[in-house]
Amino acid sequence: LLYHLHRAGLPVPTPVAARYRRHGPLYTADIITERLLDSVSLAEQLRRRAIPILGWITIGRCIRSFHDLGVCHPDLNAHNIMLVGDDSVYLIDFDRGRL
């Protein structure tokens, strides 16, 4: 899913490698993504200081871009919204996500 989201131009970390291992009826999965340099989660940023209105608008537009493409992120929370610099927003943690 992350590969398809990245190819669609959505703001997600670039996937680098993945592994899927089956153990009977269960499985484990791992993924390596690019590191988002100078990023901070929305939760961490809110502990530091308030977000200005233009920041909230940018966050809302980011989430809207995923919804417009039919992306379901069942674990979307302030820890999975990454702020990079003053004007970039990325979403992470799509392990249970779907289109």
PDB file of N, CA and C in Angstrom:
ATOM      1  N   LEU A   1       0.837  -1.192   0.000  1.00  0.00           N
ATOM      2  CA  LEU A   1       0.000   0.000   0.000  1.00  0.00           C
ATOM      3  C   LEU A   1       0.880   1.253   0.000  1.00  0.00           C
ATOM      4  N   LEU A   2       1.907   1.260   0.830  1.00  0.00           N
ATOM      5  CA  LEU A   2       2.772   2.436   0.895  1.00  0.00           C
ATOM      6  C   LEU A   2       3.419   2.727  -0.456  1.00  0.00           C
ATOM      7  N   TYR A   3       3.818   1.675  -1.156  1.00  0.00           N
ATOM      8  CA  TYR A   3       4.407   1.837  -2.497  1.00  0.00           C
ATOM      9  C   TYR A   3       3.413   2.540  -3.429  1.00  0.00           C
ATOM     10  N   HIS A   4       2.157   2.102  -3.427  1.00  0.00           N
ATOM     11  CA  HIS A   4       1.139   2.706  -4.301  1.00  0.00           C
ATOM     12  C   HIS A   4       0.852   4.159  -3.900  1.00  0.00           C
ATOM     13  N   LEU A   5       0.826   4.424  -2.603  1.00  0.00           N
ATOM     14  CA  LEU A   5       0.589   5.799  -2.146  1.00  0.00           C
ATOM     15  C   LEU A   5       1.736   6.710  -2.561  1.00  0.00           C
ATOM     16  N   HIS A   6       2.953   6.212  -2.426  1.00  0.00           N
ATOM     17  CA  HIS A   6       4.123   6.990  -2.839  1.00  0.00           C
ATOM     18  C   HIS A   6       4.095   7.262  -4.346  1.00  0.00           C
ATOM     19  N   ARG A   7       3.767   6.223  -5.134  1.00  0.00           N
ATOM     20  CA  ARG A   7       3.705   6.377  -6.597  1.00  0.00           C
ATOM     21  C   ARG A   7       2.595   7.343  -7.016  1.00  0.00           C
ATOM     22  N   ALA A   8       1.544   7.452  -6.205  1.00  0.00           N
ATOM     23  CA  ALA A   8       0.438   8.366  -6.504  1.00  0.00           C
ATOM     24  C   ALA A   8       0.787   9.804  -6.116  1.00  0.00           C
ATOM     25  N   GLY A   9       1.954  10.009  -5.520  1.00  0.00           N
ATOM     26  CA  GLY A   9       2.386  11.351  -5.164  1.00  0.00           C
ATOM     27  C   GLY A   9       1.907  11.835  -3.809  1.00  0.00           C
ATOM     28  N   LEU A  10       1.366  10.932  -3.007  1.00  0.00           N
ATOM     29  CA  LEU A  10       0.916  11.339  -1.681  1.00  0.00           C
ATOM     30  C   LEU A  10       2.114  11.496  -0.741  1.00  0.00           C
ATOM     31  N   PRO A  11       2.007  12.363   0.249  1.00  0.00           N
ATOM     32  CA  PRO A  11       3.128  12.603   1.160  1.00  0.00           C
ATOM     33  C   PRO A  11       3.287  11.488   2.194  1.00  0.00           C
ATOM     34  N   VAL A  12       4.019  10.472   1.811  1.00  0.00           N
ATOM     35  CA  VAL A  12       4.373   9.346   2.677  1.00  0.00           C
ATOM     36  C   VAL A  12       5.876   9.123   2.548  1.00  0.00           C
ATOM     37  N   PRO A  13       6.504   8.520   3.555  1.00  0.00           N
ATOM     38  CA  PRO A  13       7.927   8.212   3.411  1.00  0.00           C
ATOM     39  C   PRO A  13       8.129   7.204   2.278  1.00  0.00           C
ATOM     40  N   THR A  14       9.223   7.326   1.567  1.00  0.00           N
ATOM     41  CA  THR A  14       9.517   6.407   0.470  1.00  0.00           C
ATOM     42  C   THR A  14       9.814   5.018   1.019  1.00  0.00           C
ATOM     43  N   PRO A  15       9.087   3.994   0.556  1.00  0.00           N
ATOM     44  CA  PRO A  15       9.403   2.635   0.999  1.00  0.00           C
ATOM     45  C   PRO A  15      10.714   2.172   0.378  1.00  0.00           C
ATOM     46  N   VAL A  16      11.556   1.525   1.181  1.00  0.00           N
ATOM     47  CA  VAL A  16      12.857   1.070   0.721  1.00  0.00           C
ATOM     48  C   VAL A  16      12.899  -0.447   0.623  1.00  0.00           C
ATOM     49  N   ALA A  17      12.382  -1.142   1.630  1.00  0.00           N
ATOM     50  CA  ALA A  17      12.390  -2.610   1.638  1.00  0.00           C
ATOM     51  C   ALA A  17      11.252  -3.109   2.520  1.00  0.00           C
ATOM     52  N   ALA A  18      10.801  -4.334   2.220  1.00  0.00           N
ATOM     53  CA  ALA A  18       9.726  -4.933   3.014  1.00  0.00           C
ATOM     54  C   ALA A  18       9.944  -6.434   3.122  1.00  0.00           C
ATOM     55  N   ARG A  19       9.387  -7.019   4.193  1.00  0.00           N
ATOM     56  CA  ARG A  19       9.467  -8.466   4.401  1.00  0.00           C
ATOM     57  C   ARG A  19       8.145  -8.952   4.975  1.00  0.00           C
ATOM     58  N   TYR A  20       7.703 -10.094   4.491  1.00  0.00           N
ATOM     59  CA  TYR A  20       6.480 -10.750   4.946  1.00  0.00           C
ATOM     60  C   TYR A  20       6.832 -12.196   5.260  1.00  0.00           C
ATOM     61  N   ARG A  21       6.552 -12.647   6.485  1.00  0.00           N
ATOM     62  CA  ARG A  21       6.856 -14.024   6.868  1.00  0.00           C
ATOM     63  C   ARG A  21       5.619 -14.660   7.472  1.00  0.00           C
ATOM     64  N   ARG A  22       5.276 -15.819   6.937  1.00  0.00           N
ATOM     65  CA  ARG A  22       4.106 -16.551   7.402  1.00  0.00           C
ATOM     66  C   ARG A  22       4.539 -17.586   8.438  1.00  0.00           C
ATOM     67  N   HIS A  23       3.763 -17.707   9.515  1.00  0.00           N
ATOM     68  CA  HIS A  23       3.983 -18.690  10.572  1.00  0.00           C
ATOM     69  C   HIS A  23       2.649 -19.381  10.826  1.00  0.00           C
ATOM     70  N   GLY A  24       2.354 -20.417  10.031  1.00  0.00           N
ATOM     71  CA  GLY A  24       1.046 -21.074  10.145  1.00  0.00           C
ATOM     72  C   GLY A  24      -0.044 -20.091   9.760  1.00  0.00           C
ATOM     73  N   PRO A  25      -1.056 -19.905  10.629  1.00  0.00           N
ATOM     74  CA  PRO A  25      -2.139 -18.968  10.291  1.00  0.00           C
ATOM     75  C   PRO A  25      -1.776 -17.503  10.572  1.00  0.00           C
ATOM     76  N   LEU A  26      -0.619 -17.256  11.169  1.00  0.00           N
ATOM     77  CA  LEU A  26      -0.202 -15.898  11.513  1.00  0.00           C
ATOM     78  C   LEU A  26       0.909 -15.425  10.585  1.00  0.00           C
ATOM     79  N   TYR A  27       1.214 -14.148  10.634  1.00  0.00           N
ATOM     80  CA  TYR A  27       2.309 -13.611   9.835  1.00  0.00           C
ATOM     81  C   TYR A  27       2.952 -12.449  10.578  1.00  0.00           C
ATOM     82  N   THR A  28       4.149 -12.117  10.165  1.00  0.00           N
ATOM     83  CA  THR A  28       4.806 -10.890  10.611  1.00  0.00           C
ATOM     84  C   THR A  28       5.211 -10.122   9.363  1.00  0.00           C
ATOM     85  N   ALA A  29       5.240  -8.823   9.487  1.00  0.00           N
ATOM     86  CA  ALA A  29       5.622  -7.979   8.355  1.00  0.00           C
ATOM     87  C   ALA A  29       6.492  -6.842   8.867  1.00  0.00           C
ATOM     88  N   ASP A  30       7.493  -6.507   8.088  1.00  0.00           N
ATOM     89  CA  ASP A  30       8.407  -5.417   8.428  1.00  0.00           C
ATOM     90  C   ASP A  30       8.577  -4.534   7.207  1.00  0.00           C
ATOM     91  N   ILE A  31       8.821  -3.254   7.463  1.00  0.00           N
ATOM     92  CA  ILE A  31       9.064  -2.336   6.360  1.00  0.00           C
ATOM     93  C   ILE A  31      10.139  -1.337   6.770  1.00  0.00           C
ATOM     94  N   ILE A  32      10.963  -0.995   5.814  1.00  0.00           N
ATOM     95  CA  ILE A  32      11.964   0.058   5.999  1.00  0.00           C
ATOM     96  C   ILE A  32      11.585   1.189   5.058  1.00  0.00           C
ATOM     97  N   THR A  33      11.530   2.406   5.606  1.00  0.00           N
ATOM     98  CA  THR A  33      11.205   3.580   4.797  1.00  0.00           C
ATOM     99  C   THR A  33      12.324   4.602   4.951  1.00  0.00           C
ATOM    100  N   GLU A  34      12.300   5.574   4.033  1.00  0.00           N
ATOM    101  CA  GLU A  34      13.249   6.671   4.180  1.00  0.00           C
ATOM    102  C   GLU A  34      12.951   7.409   5.474  1.00  0.00           C
ATOM    103  N   ARG A  35      13.978   7.989   6.033  1.00  0.00           N
ATOM    104  CA  ARG A  35      13.804   8.784   7.239  1.00  0.00           C
ATOM    105  C   ARG A  35      13.374  10.194   6.841  1.00  0.00           C
ATOM    106  N   LEU A  36      12.402  10.716   7.550  1.00  0.00           N
ATOM    107  CA  LEU A  36      11.951  12.087   7.321  1.00  0.00           C
ATOM    108  C   LEU A  36      12.806  13.001   8.197  1.00  0.00           C
ATOM    109  N   LEU A  37      13.804  13.615   7.592  1.00  0.00           N
ATOM    110  CA  LEU A  37      14.728  14.458   8.339  1.00  0.00           C
ATOM    111  C   LEU A  37      14.023  15.678   8.914  1.00  0.00           C
ATOM    112  N   ASP A  38      14.428  16.046  10.100  1.00  0.00           N
ATOM    113  CA  ASP A  38      13.889  17.230  10.778  1.00  0.00           C
ATOM    114  C   ASP A  38      12.373  17.169  10.926  1.00  0.00           C
ATOM    115  N   SER A  39      11.852  15.980  11.191  1.00  0.00           N
ATOM    116  CA  SER A  39      10.410  15.828  11.352  1.00  0.00           C
ATOM    117  C   SER A  39      10.051  15.691  12.825  1.00  0.00           C
ATOM    118  N   VAL A  40       8.819  16.032  13.132  1.00  0.00           N
ATOM    119  CA  VAL A  40       8.292  15.904  14.480  1.00  0.00           C
ATOM    120  C   VAL A  40       6.825  15.497  14.342  1.00  0.00           C
ATOM    121  N   SER A  41       6.352  14.624  15.226  1.00  0.00           N
ATOM    122  CA  SER A  41       4.949  14.231  15.145  1.00  0.00           C
ATOM    123  C   SER A  41       4.071  15.403  15.595  1.00  0.00           C
ATOM    124  N   LEU A  42       2.840  15.385  15.134  1.00  0.00           N
ATOM    125  CA  LEU A  42       1.890  16.414  15.552  1.00  0.00           C
ATOM    126  C   LEU A  42       1.739  16.382  17.068  1.00  0.00           C
ATOM    127  N   ALA A  43       1.702  15.188  17.656  1.00  0.00           N
ATOM    128  CA  ALA A  43       1.565  15.066  19.113  1.00  0.00           C
ATOM    129  C   ALA A  43       2.728  15.758  19.824  1.00  0.00           C
ATOM    130  N   GLU A  44       3.938  15.510  19.351  1.00  0.00           N
ATOM    131  CA  GLU A  44       5.116  16.131  19.973  1.00  0.00           C
ATOM    132  C   GLU A  44       5.096  17.649  19.798  1.00  0.00           C
ATOM    133  N   GLN A  45       4.711  18.088  18.616  1.00  0.00           N
ATOM    134  CA  GLN A  45       4.653  19.536  18.357  1.00  0.00           C
ATOM    135  C   GLN A  45       3.637  20.215  19.272  1.00  0.00           C
ATOM    136  N   LEU A  46       2.499  19.557  19.499  1.00  0.00           N
ATOM    137  CA  LEU A  46       1.467  20.139  20.367  1.00  0.00           C
ATOM    138  C   LEU A  46       1.926  20.218  21.817  1.00  0.00           C
ATOM    139  N   ARG A  47       2.817  19.306  22.229  1.00  0.00           N
ATOM    140  CA  ARG A  47       3.375  19.391  23.579  1.00  0.00           C
ATOM    141  C   ARG A  47       4.317  20.591  23.712  1.00  0.00           C
ATOM    142  N   ARG A  48       4.949  20.954  22.588  1.00  0.00           N
ATOM    143  CA  ARG A  48       5.907  22.069  22.598  1.00  0.00           C
ATOM    144  C   ARG A  48       5.229  23.425  22.523  1.00  0.00           C
ATOM    145  N   ARG A  49       4.292  23.538  21.563  1.00  0.00           N
ATOM    146  CA  ARG A  49       3.618  24.822  21.361  1.00  0.00           C
ATOM    147  C   ARG A  49       2.372  24.628  20.499  1.00  0.00           C
ATOM    148  N   ALA A  50       1.569  25.664  20.440  1.00  0.00           N
ATOM    149  CA  ALA A  50       0.338  25.629  19.644  1.00  0.00           C
ATOM    150  C   ALA A  50       0.675  25.618  18.154  1.00  0.00           C
ATOM    151  N   ILE A  51      -0.251  25.093  17.375  1.00  0.00           N
ATOM    152  CA  ILE A  51      -0.122  25.083  15.916  1.00  0.00           C
ATOM    153  C   ILE A  51      -0.900  26.292  15.383  1.00  0.00           C
ATOM    154  N   PRO A  52      -0.276  27.125  14.557  1.00  0.00           N
ATOM    155  CA  PRO A  52      -1.017  28.261  13.991  1.00  0.00           C
ATOM    156  C   PRO A  52      -2.092  27.780  13.002  1.00  0.00           C
ATOM    157  N   ILE A  53      -3.048  28.611  12.728  1.00  0.00           N
ATOM    158  CA  ILE A  53      -4.183  28.241  11.872  1.00  0.00           C
ATOM    159  C   ILE A  53      -3.725  27.750  10.498  1.00  0.00           C
ATOM    160  N   LEU A  54      -2.703  28.367   9.923  1.00  0.00           N
ATOM    161  CA  LEU A  54      -2.228  27.910   8.614  1.00  0.00           C
ATOM    162  C   LEU A  54      -1.635  26.505   8.701  1.00  0.00           C
ATOM    163  N   GLY A  55      -1.070  26.151   9.838  1.00  0.00           N
ATOM    164  CA  GLY A  55      -0.580  24.794  10.044  1.00  0.00           C
ATOM    165  C   GLY A  55      -1.718  23.782  10.044  1.00  0.00           C
ATOM    166  N   TRP A  56      -2.819  24.118  10.725  1.00  0.00           N
ATOM    167  CA  TRP A  56      -3.985  23.225  10.743  1.00  0.00           C
ATOM    168  C   TRP A  56      -4.588  23.079   9.343  1.00  0.00           C
ATOM    169  N   ILE A  57      -4.591  24.160   8.585  1.00  0.00           N
ATOM    170  CA  ILE A  57      -5.101  24.087   7.214  1.00  0.00           C
ATOM    171  C   ILE A  57      -4.237  23.149   6.378  1.00  0.00           C
ATOM    172  N   THR A  58      -2.917  23.236   6.529  1.00  0.00           N
ATOM    173  CA  THR A  58      -2.007  22.357   5.798  1.00  0.00           C
ATOM    174  C   THR A  58      -2.232  20.900   6.192  1.00  0.00           C
ATOM    175  N   ILE A  59      -2.414  20.636   7.476  1.00  0.00           N
ATOM    176  CA  ILE A  59      -2.682  19.270   7.950  1.00  0.00           C
ATOM    177  C   ILE A  59      -3.999  18.767   7.359  1.00  0.00           C
ATOM    178  N   GLY A  60      -5.016  19.593   7.389  1.00  0.00           N
ATOM    179  CA  GLY A  60      -6.314  19.205   6.834  1.00  0.00           C
ATOM    180  C   GLY A  60      -6.249  18.917   5.346  1.00  0.00           C
ATOM    181  N   ARG A  61      -5.518  19.720   4.613  1.00  0.00           N
ATOM    182  CA  ARG A  61      -5.376  19.484   3.167  1.00  0.00           C
ATOM    183  C   ARG A  61      -4.634  18.180   2.892  1.00  0.00           C
ATOM    184  N   CYS A  62      -3.637  17.885   3.707  1.00  0.00           N
ATOM    185  CA  CYS A  62      -2.898  16.633   3.550  1.00  0.00           C
ATOM    186  C   CYS A  62      -3.847  15.438   3.739  1.00  0.00           C
ATOM    187  N   ILE A  63      -4.585  15.442   4.837  1.00  0.00           N
ATOM    188  CA  ILE A  63      -5.519  14.336   5.106  1.00  0.00           C
ATOM    189  C   ILE A  63      -6.559  14.251   4.002  1.00  0.00           C
ATOM    190  N   ARG A  64      -7.043  15.375   3.536  1.00  0.00           N
ATOM    191  CA  ARG A  64      -8.031  15.401   2.454  1.00  0.00           C
ATOM    192  C   ARG A  64      -7.484  14.757   1.182  1.00  0.00           C
ATOM    193  N   SER A  65      -6.199  14.966   0.880  1.00  0.00           N
ATOM    194  CA  SER A  65      -5.620  14.380  -0.333  1.00  0.00           C
ATOM    195  C   SER A  65      -5.654  12.854  -0.281  1.00  0.00           C
ATOM    196  N   PHE A  66      -5.517  12.275   0.893  1.00  0.00           N
ATOM    197  CA  PHE A  66      -5.619  10.822   1.042  1.00  0.00           C
ATOM    198  C   PHE A  66      -7.073  10.376   0.871  1.00  0.00           C
ATOM    199  N   HIS A  67      -7.996  11.092   1.496  1.00  0.00           N
ATOM    200  CA  HIS A  67      -9.423  10.748   1.385  1.00  0.00           C
ATOM    201  C   HIS A  67      -9.899  10.855  -0.060  1.00  0.00           C
ATOM    202  N   ASP A  68      -9.415  11.857  -0.794  1.00  0.00           N
ATOM    203  CA  ASP A  68      -9.817  12.031  -2.187  1.00  0.00           C
ATOM    204  C   ASP A  68      -9.441  10.830  -3.049  1.00  0.00           C
ATOM    205  N   LEU A  69      -8.374  10.110  -2.675  1.00  0.00           N
ATOM    206  CA  LEU A  69      -7.948   8.923  -3.421  1.00  0.00           C
ATOM    207  C   LEU A  69      -8.487   7.629  -2.810  1.00  0.00           C
ATOM    208  N   GLY A  70      -9.380   7.749  -1.829  1.00  0.00           N
ATOM    209  CA  GLY A  70     -10.015   6.572  -1.245  1.00  0.00           C
ATOM    210  C   GLY A  70      -9.151   5.805  -0.264  1.00  0.00           C
ATOM    211  N   VAL A  71      -8.183   6.468   0.351  1.00  0.00           N
ATOM    212  CA  VAL A  71      -7.297   5.802   1.306  1.00  0.00           C
ATOM    213  C   VAL A  71      -7.966   5.776   2.673  1.00  0.00           C
ATOM    214  N   CYS A  72      -7.980   4.599   3.285  1.00  0.00           N
ATOM    215  CA  CYS A  72      -8.492   4.439   4.645  1.00  0.00           C
ATOM    216  C   CYS A  72      -7.298   4.185   5.561  1.00  0.00           C
ATOM    217  N   HIS A  73      -7.082   5.057   6.526  1.00  0.00           N
ATOM    218  CA  HIS A  73      -5.994   4.930   7.506  1.00  0.00           C
ATOM    219  C   HIS A  73      -6.661   4.712   8.864  1.00  0.00           C
ATOM    220  N   PRO A  74      -6.855   3.438   9.271  1.00  0.00           N
ATOM    221  CA  PRO A  74      -7.614   3.173  10.492  1.00  0.00           C
ATOM    222  C   PRO A  74      -6.910   3.582  11.777  1.00  0.00           C
ATOM    223  N   ASP A  75      -5.640   3.951  11.713  1.00  0.00           N
ATOM    224  CA  ASP A  75      -4.902   4.339  12.914  1.00  0.00           C
ATOM    225  C   ASP A  75      -4.388   5.775  12.789  1.00  0.00           C
ATOM    226  N   LEU A  76      -5.161   6.634  12.158  1.00  0.00           N
ATOM    227  CA  LEU A  76      -4.738   8.024  11.990  1.00  0.00           C
ATOM    228  C   LEU A  76      -4.901   8.749  13.318  1.00  0.00           C
ATOM    229  N   ASN A  77      -3.797   9.221  13.859  1.00  0.00           N
ATOM    230  CA  ASN A  77      -3.800   9.959  15.114  1.00  0.00           C
ATOM    231  C   ASN A  77      -2.630  10.939  15.091  1.00  0.00           C
ATOM    232  N   ALA A  78      -2.495  11.720  16.133  1.00  0.00           N
ATOM    233  CA  ALA A  78      -1.477  12.779  16.164  1.00  0.00           C
ATOM    234  C   ALA A  78      -0.055  12.240  16.151  1.00  0.00           C
ATOM    235  N   HIS A  79       0.131  10.968  16.472  1.00  0.00           N
ATOM    236  CA  HIS A  79       1.471  10.368  16.433  1.00  0.00           C
ATOM    237  C   HIS A  79       1.850   9.927  15.022  1.00  0.00           C
ATOM    238  N   ASN A  80       0.867   9.778  14.128  1.00  0.00           N
ATOM    239  CA  ASN A  80       1.102   9.316  12.763  1.00  0.00           C
ATOM    240  C   ASN A  80       1.029  10.441  11.735  1.00  0.00           C
ATOM    241  N   ILE A  81       0.956  11.657  12.202  1.00  0.00           N
ATOM    242  CA  ILE A  81       1.012  12.844  11.346  1.00  0.00           C
ATOM    243  C   ILE A  81       2.351  13.509  11.625  1.00  0.00           C
ATOM    244  N   MET A  82       3.208  13.537  10.622  1.00  0.00           N
ATOM    245  CA  MET A  82       4.558  14.073  10.797  1.00  0.00           C
ATOM    246  C   MET A  82       4.659  15.452  10.149  1.00  0.00           C
ATOM    247  N   LEU A  83       5.224  16.393  10.874  1.00  0.00           N
ATOM    248  CA  LEU A  83       5.439  17.738  10.383  1.00  0.00           C
ATOM    249  C   LEU A  83       6.912  17.889  10.040  1.00  0.00           C
ATOM    250  N   VAL A  84       7.183  18.322   8.825  1.00  0.00           N
ATOM    251  CA  VAL A  84       8.556  18.491   8.351  1.00  0.00           C
ATOM    252  C   VAL A  84       8.721  19.948   7.944  1.00  0.00           C
ATOM    253  N   GLY A  85       9.592  20.647   8.635  1.00  0.00           N
ATOM    254  CA  GLY A  85       9.752  22.065   8.351  1.00  0.00           C
ATOM    255  C   GLY A  85       8.487  22.828   8.717  1.00  0.00           C
ATOM    256  N   ASP A  86       8.269  23.930   8.034  1.00  0.00           N
ATOM    257  CA  ASP A  86       7.115  24.778   8.341  1.00  0.00           C
ATOM    258  C   ASP A  86       5.888  24.486   7.489  1.00  0.00           C
ATOM    259  N   ASP A  87       6.056  23.727   6.398  1.00  0.00           N
ATOM    260  CA  ASP A  87       4.912  23.599   5.491  1.00  0.00           C
ATOM    261  C   ASP A  87       4.718  22.224   4.874  1.00  0.00           C
ATOM    262  N   SER A  88       5.368  21.192   5.396  1.00  0.00           N
ATOM    263  CA  SER A  88       5.182  19.847   4.847  1.00  0.00           C
ATOM    264  C   SER A  88       4.582  18.929   5.898  1.00  0.00           C
ATOM    265  N   VAL A  89       3.617  18.121   5.461  1.00  0.00           N
ATOM    266  CA  VAL A  89       2.942  17.165   6.339  1.00  0.00           C
ATOM    267  C   VAL A  89       2.985  15.803   5.669  1.00  0.00           C
ATOM    268  N   TYR A  90       3.355  14.778   6.417  1.00  0.00           N
ATOM    269  CA  TYR A  90       3.395  13.402   5.933  1.00  0.00           C
ATOM    270  C   TYR A  90       2.548  12.537   6.852  1.00  0.00           C
ATOM    271  N   LEU A  91       1.961  11.494   6.293  1.00  0.00           N
ATOM    272  CA  LEU A  91       1.277  10.491   7.107  1.00  0.00           C
ATOM    273  C   LEU A  91       2.121   9.228   7.121  1.00  0.00           C
ATOM    274  N   ILE A  92       2.151   8.550   8.268  1.00  0.00           N
ATOM    275  CA  ILE A  92       2.913   7.314   8.415  1.00  0.00           C
ATOM    276  C   ILE A  92       2.030   6.233   9.032  1.00  0.00           C
ATOM    277  N   ASP A  93       2.566   5.017   9.105  1.00  0.00           N
ATOM    278  CA  ASP A  93       1.948   3.872   9.796  1.00  0.00           C
ATOM    279  C   ASP A  93       0.678   3.386   9.098  1.00  0.00           C
ATOM    280  N   PHE A  94       0.854   2.845   7.918  1.00  0.00           N
ATOM    281  CA  PHE A  94      -0.265   2.343   7.118  1.00  0.00           C
ATOM    282  C   PHE A  94      -0.424   0.827   7.213  1.00  0.00           C
ATOM    283  N   ASP A  95       0.048   0.208   8.291  1.00  0.00           N
ATOM    284  CA  ASP A  95       0.061  -1.249   8.342  1.00  0.00           C
ATOM    285  C   ASP A  95      -1.335  -1.873   8.256  1.00  0.00           C
ATOM    286  N   ARG A  96      -2.374  -1.190   8.675  1.00  0.00           N
ATOM    287  CA  ARG A  96      -3.731  -1.729   8.526  1.00  0.00           C
ATOM    288  C   ARG A  96      -4.551  -0.914   7.515  1.00  0.00           C
ATOM    289  N   GLY A  97      -3.879  -0.058   6.769  1.00  0.00           N
ATOM    290  CA  GLY A  97      -4.563   0.796   5.805  1.00  0.00           C
ATOM    291  C   GLY A  97      -5.029   0.027   4.573  1.00  0.00           C
ATOM    292  N   ARG A  98      -5.936   0.653   3.840  1.00  0.00           N
ATOM    293  CA  ARG A  98      -6.444   0.046   2.604  1.00  0.00           C
ATOM    294  C   ARG A  98      -7.014   1.123   1.681  1.00  0.00           C
ATOM    295  N   LEU A  99      -7.184   0.740   0.443  1.00  0.00           N
ATOM    296  CA  LEU A  99      -7.830   1.641  -0.526  1.00  0.00           C
ATOM    297  C   LEU A  99      -9.292   1.272  -0.640  1.00  0.00           C
TER     298      LEU A  99
END
